[in-house]
C-alpha atoms as a PDB file:
ATOM      1  CA  MET A   1     -50.662  74.426  39.644  1.00  0.00           C
ATOM      2  CA  ASP A   2     -52.339  77.002  37.423  1.00  0.00           C
ATOM      3  CA  ASN A   3     -53.857  76.439  33.989  1.00  0.00           C
ATOM      4  CA  ASP A   4     -50.943  78.057  32.148  1.00  0.00           C
ATOM      5  CA  SER A   5     -48.549  75.527  33.657  1.00  0.00           C
ATOM      6  CA  SER A   6     -50.894  72.633  32.858  1.00  0.00           C
ATOM      7  CA  ASP A   7     -51.212  73.823  29.262  1.00  0.00           C
ATOM      8  CA  ALA A   8     -47.438  74.087  28.949  1.00  0.00           C
ATOM      9  CA  GLU A   9     -46.983  70.571  30.326  1.00  0.00           C
ATOM     10  CA  ALA A  10     -49.544  69.177  27.886  1.00  0.00           C
ATOM     11  CA  LYS A  11     -47.862  70.957  24.962  1.00  0.00           C
ATOM     12  CA  ALA A  12     -44.442  69.673  26.036  1.00  0.00           C
ATOM     13  CA  ALA A  13     -45.802  66.127  26.322  1.00  0.00           C
ATOM     14  CA  GLY A  14     -47.031  66.376  22.733  1.00  0.00           C
ATOM     15  CA  MET A  15     -43.470  66.978  21.516  1.00  0.00           C
ATOM     16  CA  MET A  16     -41.930  63.979  23.319  1.00  0.00           C
ATOM     17  CA  THR A  17     -40.991  60.727  21.628  1.00  0.00           C
ATOM     18  CA  ASP A  18     -43.042  57.715  22.688  1.00  0.00           C
ATOM     19  CA  GLU A  19     -40.163  56.178  24.655  1.00  0.00           C
ATOM     20  CA  PHE A  20     -39.267  59.455  26.376  1.00  0.00           C
ATOM     21  CA  LEU A  21     -42.927  59.928  27.270  1.00  0.00           C
ATOM     22  CA  ARG A  22     -43.127  56.468  28.861  1.00  0.00           C
ATOM     23  CA  ARG A  23     -39.937  57.033  30.839  1.00  0.00           C
ATOM     24  CA  ALA A  24     -41.065  60.467  32.010  1.00  0.00           C
ATOM     25  CA  PHE A  25     -44.332  58.978  33.285  1.00  0.00           C
ATOM     26  CA  GLU A  26     -42.456  56.184  35.090  1.00  0.00           C
ATOM     27  CA  ARG A  27     -40.448  58.846  36.968  1.00  0.00           C
ATOM     28  CA  THR A  28     -43.614  60.482  38.346  1.00  0.00           C
ATOM     29  CA  THR A  29     -45.564  59.315  41.372  1.00  0.00           C
ATOM     30  CA  GLY A  30     -48.394  58.272  39.070  1.00  0.00           C
ATOM     31  CA  ASP A  31     -50.856  59.534  41.672  1.00  0.00           C
ATOM     32  CA  VAL A  32     -54.234  60.799  40.494  1.00  0.00           C
ATOM     33  CA  GLY A  33     -54.201  64.573  40.806  1.00  0.00           C
ATOM     34  CA  ASP A  34     -50.453  64.887  40.112  1.00  0.00           C
ATOM     35  CA  PRO A  35     -50.532  67.416  37.240  1.00  0.00           C
ATOM     36  CA  GLU A  36     -47.345  66.111  35.634  1.00  0.00           C
ATOM     37  CA  ALA A  37     -48.433  62.462  35.795  1.00  0.00           C
ATOM     38  CA  ASP A  38     -51.942  63.370  34.576  1.00  0.00           C
ATOM     39  CA  ALA A  39     -50.610  65.293  31.554  1.00  0.00           C
ATOM     40  CA  LEU A  40     -48.190  62.523  30.622  1.00  0.00           C
ATOM     41  CA  LEU A  41     -50.816  59.808  31.053  1.00  0.00           C
ATOM     42  CA  ALA A  42     -53.296  61.750  28.931  1.00  0.00           C
ATOM     43  CA  GLU A  43     -50.733  61.973  26.128  1.00  0.00           C
ATOM     44  CA  ILE A  44     -49.879  58.267  26.482  1.00  0.00           C
ATOM     45  CA  LYS A  45     -53.576  57.404  26.160  1.00  0.00           C
ATOM     46  CA  ARG A  46     -54.041  59.833  23.255  1.00  0.00           C
ATOM     47  CA  ARG A  47     -51.252  58.052  21.378  1.00  0.00           C
ATOM     48  CA  GLY A  48     -52.633  54.621  22.253  1.00  0.00           C
ATOM     49  CA  LEU A  49     -49.402  53.558  23.969  1.00  0.00           C
ATOM     50  CA  ASP A  50     -49.010  50.852  26.581  1.00  0.00           C
ATOM     51  CA  ILE A  51     -47.304  51.696  29.842  1.00  0.00           C
END
């Protein structure tokens, strides 16, 4: 995935509610290197949320 897509995913994650963010991460593979999972996990950590 290119940087523009990664940036868009990170921006979208920043607009999600905490619960929606947790649920979105649970629907990913959670694998390291999965851009979607990585972006969601980074936002979860930034907010100090438990998963």
